Amino acid sequence: MTALADELAAIATRQERSAGIRQLVAVLPQLQAQLRVLRGYFAVDGGVPPYARYLRYVARVRQANESELDDWIASGREPLRATELKLQSGEVAAHKIAPRLADGSDSLRAAMVSAIDAWLVASERFAQQAFTRDGKQAFSELRSLRKELQTLKRRVDAAQ
């Protein structure tokens, strides 16, 4: 999404602005449809989104693996390696899985939904205002969207 916002900003400064904008406006419905599908992965009205179901599954598998490692440690099979793997599994749970399972307005999932929603709104405005003489407002909105997407990218990178 960041690359797309960068491309939108670049198109606004090119000499082939009209041709580029026409091309972009022509593909906006497909991009919006794809983003709505992506949004459905992170947020479902009245249900648990696939993203959360997948993370819960990963957490259950990790817990099952940790139980197996406990058995290995108790039985004396590979106790050092099993302990090392159990420590690594705990780190993954604490630093990778738990932050992604968090819910609320400041969660990573909520940030993804917010960024997708912002892009959908901005793309709709862009399609409506793309050929107006004064594109300064649209360009300003694209800059704002770009900053929001860069912030989201930093959060996603930090969570990895």
C-alpha atoms as a PDB file:
ATOM      1  CA  MET A   1       0.000   0.000   0.000  1.00  0.00           C
ATOM      2  CA  THR A   2       2.900   2.346   0.709  1.00  0.00           C
ATOM      3  CA  ALA A   3       4.278   1.743  -2.778  1.00  0.00           C
ATOM      4  CA  LEU A   4       0.879   2.575  -4.242  1.00  0.00           C
ATOM      5  CA  ALA A   5       0.690   5.819  -2.254  1.00  0.00           C
ATOM      6  CA  ASP A   6       4.221   6.662  -3.464  1.00  0.00           C
ATOM      7  CA  GLU A   7       3.146   5.984  -7.043  1.00  0.00           C
ATOM      8  CA  LEU A   8       0.092   8.208  -6.644  1.00  0.00           C
ATOM      9  CA  ALA A   9       2.294  11.043  -5.393  1.00  0.00           C
ATOM     10  CA  ALA A  10       4.791  10.480  -8.235  1.00  0.00           C
ATOM     11  CA  ILE A  11       2.031  10.560 -10.862  1.00  0.00           C
ATOM     12  CA  ALA A  12       0.856  13.917  -9.545  1.00  0.00           C
ATOM     13  CA  THR A  13       4.267  15.418 -10.339  1.00  0.00           C
ATOM     14  CA  ARG A  14       4.875  13.830 -13.741  1.00  0.00           C
ATOM     15  CA  GLN A  15       4.372  15.569 -17.035  1.00  0.00           C
ATOM     16  CA  GLU A  16       2.144  12.709 -18.195  1.00  0.00           C
ATOM     17  CA  ARG A  17      -0.150  13.510 -15.306  1.00  0.00           C
ATOM     18  CA  SER A  18      -3.416  13.244 -17.253  1.00  0.00           C
ATOM     19  CA  ALA A  19      -2.578   9.908 -18.876  1.00  0.00           C
ATOM     20  CA  GLY A  20      -1.270   8.490 -15.612  1.00  0.00           C
ATOM     21  CA  ILE A  21      -4.291   9.669 -13.674  1.00  0.00           C
ATOM     22  CA  ARG A  22      -6.699   8.265 -16.274  1.00  0.00           C
ATOM     23  CA  GLN A  23      -4.938   4.914 -16.053  1.00  0.00           C
ATOM     24  CA  LEU A  24      -4.994   4.970 -12.260  1.00  0.00           C
ATOM     25  CA  VAL A  25      -8.658   5.979 -12.095  1.00  0.00           C
ATOM     26  CA  ALA A  26      -9.456   3.128 -14.497  1.00  0.00           C
ATOM     27  CA  VAL A  27      -7.898   0.518 -12.191  1.00  0.00           C
ATOM     28  CA  LEU A  28      -9.185   2.002  -8.916  1.00  0.00           C
ATOM     29  CA  PRO A  29     -12.314  -0.227  -8.794  1.00  0.00           C
ATOM     30  CA  GLN A  30     -10.150  -3.358  -8.985  1.00  0.00           C
ATOM     31  CA  LEU A  31      -7.737  -2.011  -6.358  1.00  0.00           C
ATOM     32  CA  GLN A  32     -10.632  -1.086  -4.088  1.00  0.00           C
ATOM     33  CA  ALA A  33     -12.161  -4.565  -4.495  1.00  0.00           C
ATOM     34  CA  GLN A  34      -8.829  -6.170  -3.594  1.00  0.00           C
ATOM     35  CA  LEU A  35      -8.484  -3.927  -0.550  1.00  0.00           C
ATOM     36  CA  ARG A  36     -11.990  -4.832   0.612  1.00  0.00           C
ATOM     37  CA  VAL A  37     -11.017  -8.513   0.407  1.00  0.00           C
ATOM     38  CA  LEU A  38      -7.832  -7.761   2.365  1.00  0.00           C
ATOM     39  CA  ARG A  39      -9.860  -5.787   4.912  1.00  0.00           C
ATOM     40  CA  GLY A  40     -12.108  -8.831   5.344  1.00  0.00           C
ATOM     41  CA  TYR A  41      -9.029 -10.787   6.436  1.00  0.00           C
ATOM     42  CA  PHE A  42      -8.476  -8.361   9.333  1.00  0.00           C
ATOM     43  CA  ALA A  43     -12.049  -7.345  10.238  1.00  0.00           C
ATOM     44  CA  VAL A  44     -15.397  -9.111   9.976  1.00  0.00           C
ATOM     45  CA  ASP A  45     -18.627  -7.535  11.168  1.00  0.00           C
ATOM     46  CA  GLY A  46     -20.099  -9.660  13.951  1.00  0.00           C
ATOM     47  CA  GLY A  47     -17.494 -12.382  13.798  1.00  0.00           C
ATOM     48  CA  VAL A  48     -13.896 -13.405  14.253  1.00  0.00           C
ATOM     49  CA  PRO A  49     -11.738 -12.383  11.276  1.00  0.00           C
ATOM     50  CA  PRO A  50      -9.521 -14.977   9.558  1.00  0.00           C
ATOM     51  CA  TYR A  51      -6.414 -13.134  10.808  1.00  0.00           C
ATOM     52  CA  ALA A  52      -7.430 -13.679  14.438  1.00  0.00           C
ATOM     53  CA  ARG A  53      -8.465 -17.309  13.795  1.00  0.00           C
ATOM     54  CA  TYR A  54      -5.100 -18.017  12.181  1.00  0.00           C
ATOM     55  CA  LEU A  55      -3.182 -16.441  15.073  1.00  0.00           C
ATOM     56  CA  ARG A  56      -5.213 -18.432  17.599  1.00  0.00           C
ATOM     57  CA  TYR A  57      -4.387 -21.601  15.682  1.00  0.00           C
ATOM     58  CA  VAL A  58      -0.678 -20.695  15.700  1.00  0.00           C
ATOM     59  CA  ALA A  59      -0.869 -20.064  19.455  1.00  0.00           C
ATOM     60  CA  ARG A  60      -2.530 -23.472  20.044  1.00  0.00           C
ATOM     61  CA  VAL A  61       0.100 -25.267  17.960  1.00  0.00           C
ATOM     62  CA  ARG A  62       2.849 -23.473  19.864  1.00  0.00           C
ATOM     63  CA  GLN A  63       1.288 -24.509  23.179  1.00  0.00           C
ATOM     64  CA  ALA A  64       1.018 -28.119  22.002  1.00  0.00           C
ATOM     65  CA  ASN A  65       4.663 -28.071  20.966  1.00  0.00           C
ATOM     66  CA  GLU A  66       5.609 -26.629  24.336  1.00  0.00           C
ATOM     67  CA  SER A  67       3.722 -29.441  26.100  1.00  0.00           C
ATOM     68  CA  GLU A  68       5.633 -31.969  24.001  1.00  0.00           C
ATOM     69  CA  LEU A  69       8.894 -30.267  24.968  1.00  0.00           C
ATOM     70  CA  ASP A  70       7.887 -30.494  28.650  1.00  0.00           C
ATOM     71  CA  ASP A  71       7.461 -34.237  28.176  1.00  0.00           C
ATOM     72  CA  TRP A  72      10.910 -34.458  26.594  1.00  0.00           C
ATOM     73  CA  ILE A  73      12.461 -32.526  29.478  1.00  0.00           C
ATOM     74  CA  ALA A  74      10.666 -34.670  32.109  1.00  0.00           C
ATOM     75  CA  SER A  75      11.666 -37.941  30.439  1.00  0.00           C
ATOM     76  CA  GLY A  76      15.280 -36.889  29.981  1.00  0.00           C
ATOM     77  CA  ARG A  77      15.167 -37.049  26.172  1.00  0.00           C
ATOM     78  CA  GLU A  78      17.267 -34.214  24.799  1.00  0.00           C
ATOM     79  CA  PRO A  79      16.706 -32.079  27.936  1.00  0.00           C
ATOM     80  CA  LEU A  80      19.103 -29.293  26.922  1.00  0.00           C
ATOM     81  CA  ARG A  81      17.788 -28.950  23.379  1.00  0.00           C
ATOM     82  CA  ALA A  82      14.166 -29.233  24.557  1.00  0.00           C
ATOM     83  CA  THR A  83      14.747 -26.503  27.155  1.00  0.00           C
ATOM     84  CA  GLU A  84      16.369 -24.289  24.534  1.00  0.00           C
ATOM     85  CA  LEU A  85      13.444 -24.812  22.146  1.00  0.00           C
ATOM     86  CA  LYS A  86      10.961 -24.117  24.936  1.00  0.00           C
ATOM     87  CA  LEU A  87      12.698 -20.806  25.717  1.00  0.00           C
ATOM     88  CA  GLN A  88      12.637 -19.850  22.038  1.00  0.00           C
ATOM     89  CA  SER A  89       8.965 -20.780  21.827  1.00  0.00           C
ATOM     90  CA  GLY A  90       8.215 -18.548  24.817  1.00  0.00           C
ATOM     91  CA  GLU A  91      10.020 -15.651  23.148  1.00  0.00           C
ATOM     92  CA  VAL A  92       8.001 -16.159  19.970  1.00  0.00           C
ATOM     93  CA  ALA A  93       4.792 -16.205  21.996  1.00  0.00           C
ATOM     94  CA  ALA A  94       5.691 -13.042  23.879  1.00  0.00           C
ATOM     95  CA  HIS A  95       7.138 -10.995  21.036  1.00  0.00           C
ATOM     96  CA  LYS A  96       5.438 -12.252  17.889  1.00  0.00           C
ATOM     97  CA  ILE A  97       2.104 -13.899  18.659  1.00  0.00           C
ATOM     98  CA  ALA A  98       0.804 -11.998  21.714  1.00  0.00           C
ATOM     99  CA  PRO A  99       1.126  -8.503  20.188  1.00  0.00           C
ATOM    100  CA  ARG A 100      -0.747  -9.676  17.107  1.00  0.00           C
ATOM    101  CA  LEU A 101      -3.482 -11.313  19.196  1.00  0.00           C
ATOM    102  CA  ALA A 102      -4.029  -8.073  21.109  1.00  0.00           C
ATOM    103  CA  ASP A 103      -7.316  -6.427  20.332  1.00  0.00           C
ATOM    104  CA  GLY A 104      -8.375  -2.837  20.709  1.00  0.00           C
ATOM    105  CA  SER A 105      -8.091   0.473  18.969  1.00  0.00           C
ATOM    106  CA  ASP A 106      -4.282   0.540  19.194  1.00  0.00           C
ATOM    107  CA  SER A 107      -3.722  -3.061  18.047  1.00  0.00           C
ATOM    108  CA  LEU A 108      -1.806  -3.961  14.914  1.00  0.00           C
ATOM    109  CA  ARG A 109      -4.974  -5.437  13.391  1.00  0.00           C
ATOM    110  CA  ALA A 110      -6.909  -2.224  14.066  1.00  0.00           C
ATOM    111  CA  ALA A 111      -4.080  -0.215  12.504  1.00  0.00           C
ATOM    112  CA  MET A 112      -4.268  -2.373   9.358  1.00  0.00           C
ATOM    113  CA  VAL A 113      -8.033  -1.900   9.127  1.00  0.00           C
ATOM    114  CA  SER A 114      -7.656   1.837   9.679  1.00  0.00           C
ATOM    115  CA  ALA A 115      -5.010   2.135   6.950  1.00  0.00           C
ATOM    116  CA  ILE A 116      -7.132   0.154   4.491  1.00  0.00           C
ATOM    117  CA  ASP A 117     -10.193   2.282   5.291  1.00  0.00           C
ATOM    118  CA  ALA A 118      -8.151   5.470   4.863  1.00  0.00           C
ATOM    119  CA  TRP A 119      -6.876   4.247   1.513  1.00  0.00           C
ATOM    120  CA  LEU A 120     -10.404   3.395   0.355  1.00  0.00           C
ATOM    121  CA  VAL A 121     -11.671   6.860   1.316  1.00  0.00           C
ATOM    122  CA  ALA A 122      -8.662   8.591  -0.256  1.00  0.00           C
ATOM    123  CA  SER A 123      -8.960   6.573  -3.465  1.00  0.00           C
ATOM    124  CA  GLU A 124     -12.640   7.464  -3.776  1.00  0.00           C
ATOM    125  CA  ARG A 125     -11.835  11.161  -3.325  1.00  0.00           C
ATOM    126  CA  PHE A 126      -8.955  10.839  -5.747  1.00  0.00           C
ATOM    127  CA  ALA A 127     -11.250   9.342  -8.385  1.00  0.00           C
ATOM    128  CA  GLN A 128     -13.698  12.227  -7.907  1.00  0.00           C
ATOM    129  CA  GLN A 129     -11.103  15.015  -7.817  1.00  0.00           C
ATOM    130  CA  ALA A 130      -8.445  13.621 -10.140  1.00  0.00           C
ATOM    131  CA  PHE A 131      -9.234  15.911 -13.048  1.00  0.00           C
ATOM    132  CA  THR A 132      -9.957  19.119 -11.200  1.00  0.00           C
ATOM    133  CA  ARG A 133      -7.669  22.023 -11.930  1.00  0.00           C
ATOM    134  CA  ASP A 134      -6.685  22.425  -8.303  1.00  0.00           C
ATOM    135  CA  GLY A 135      -5.242  19.091  -7.244  1.00  0.00           C
ATOM    136  CA  LYS A 136      -3.500  20.549  -4.194  1.00  0.00           C
ATOM    137  CA  GLN A 137      -6.083  19.172  -1.773  1.00  0.00           C
ATOM    138  CA  ALA A 138      -5.952  15.696  -3.332  1.00  0.00           C
ATOM    139  CA  PHE A 139      -2.166  15.817  -3.300  1.00  0.00           C
ATOM    140  CA  SER A 140      -2.215  16.867   0.364  1.00  0.00           C
ATOM    141  CA  GLU A 141      -4.522  13.957   1.208  1.00  0.00           C
ATOM    142  CA  LEU A 142      -2.180  11.576  -0.612  1.00  0.00           C
ATOM    143  CA  ARG A 143       0.757  12.882   1.452  1.00  0.00           C
ATOM    144  CA  SER A 144      -1.257  12.340   4.613  1.00  0.00           C
ATOM    145  CA  LEU A 145      -2.150   8.813   3.536  1.00  0.00           C
ATOM    146  CA  ARG A 146       1.487   8.133   2.698  1.00  0.00           C
ATOM    147  CA  LYS A 147       2.570   9.210   6.199  1.00  0.00           C
ATOM    148  CA  GLU A 148      -0.102   7.002   7.777  1.00  0.00           C
ATOM    149  CA  LEU A 149       1.018   4.020   5.697  1.00  0.00           C
ATOM    150  CA  GLN A 150       4.668   4.637   6.578  1.00  0.00           C
ATOM    151  CA  THR A 151       3.730   4.680  10.268  1.00  0.00           C
ATOM    152  CA  LEU A 152       1.835   1.405   9.835  1.00  0.00           C
ATOM    153  CA  LYS A 153       4.803  -0.126   7.996  1.00  0.00           C
ATOM    154  CA  ARG A 154       7.112   0.811  10.884  1.00  0.00           C
ATOM    155  CA  ARG A 155       4.677  -0.842  13.352  1.00  0.00           C
ATOM    156  CA  VAL A 156       4.479  -3.998  11.233  1.00  0.00           C
ATOM    157  CA  ASP A 157       8.273  -4.103  10.840  1.00  0.00           C
ATOM    158  CA  ALA A 158       8.721  -3.628  14.594  1.00  0.00           C
ATOM    159  CA  ALA A 159       6.343  -6.517  15.287  1.00  0.00           C
ATOM    160  CA  GLN A 160       8.358  -8.922  13.151  1.00  0.00           C
END
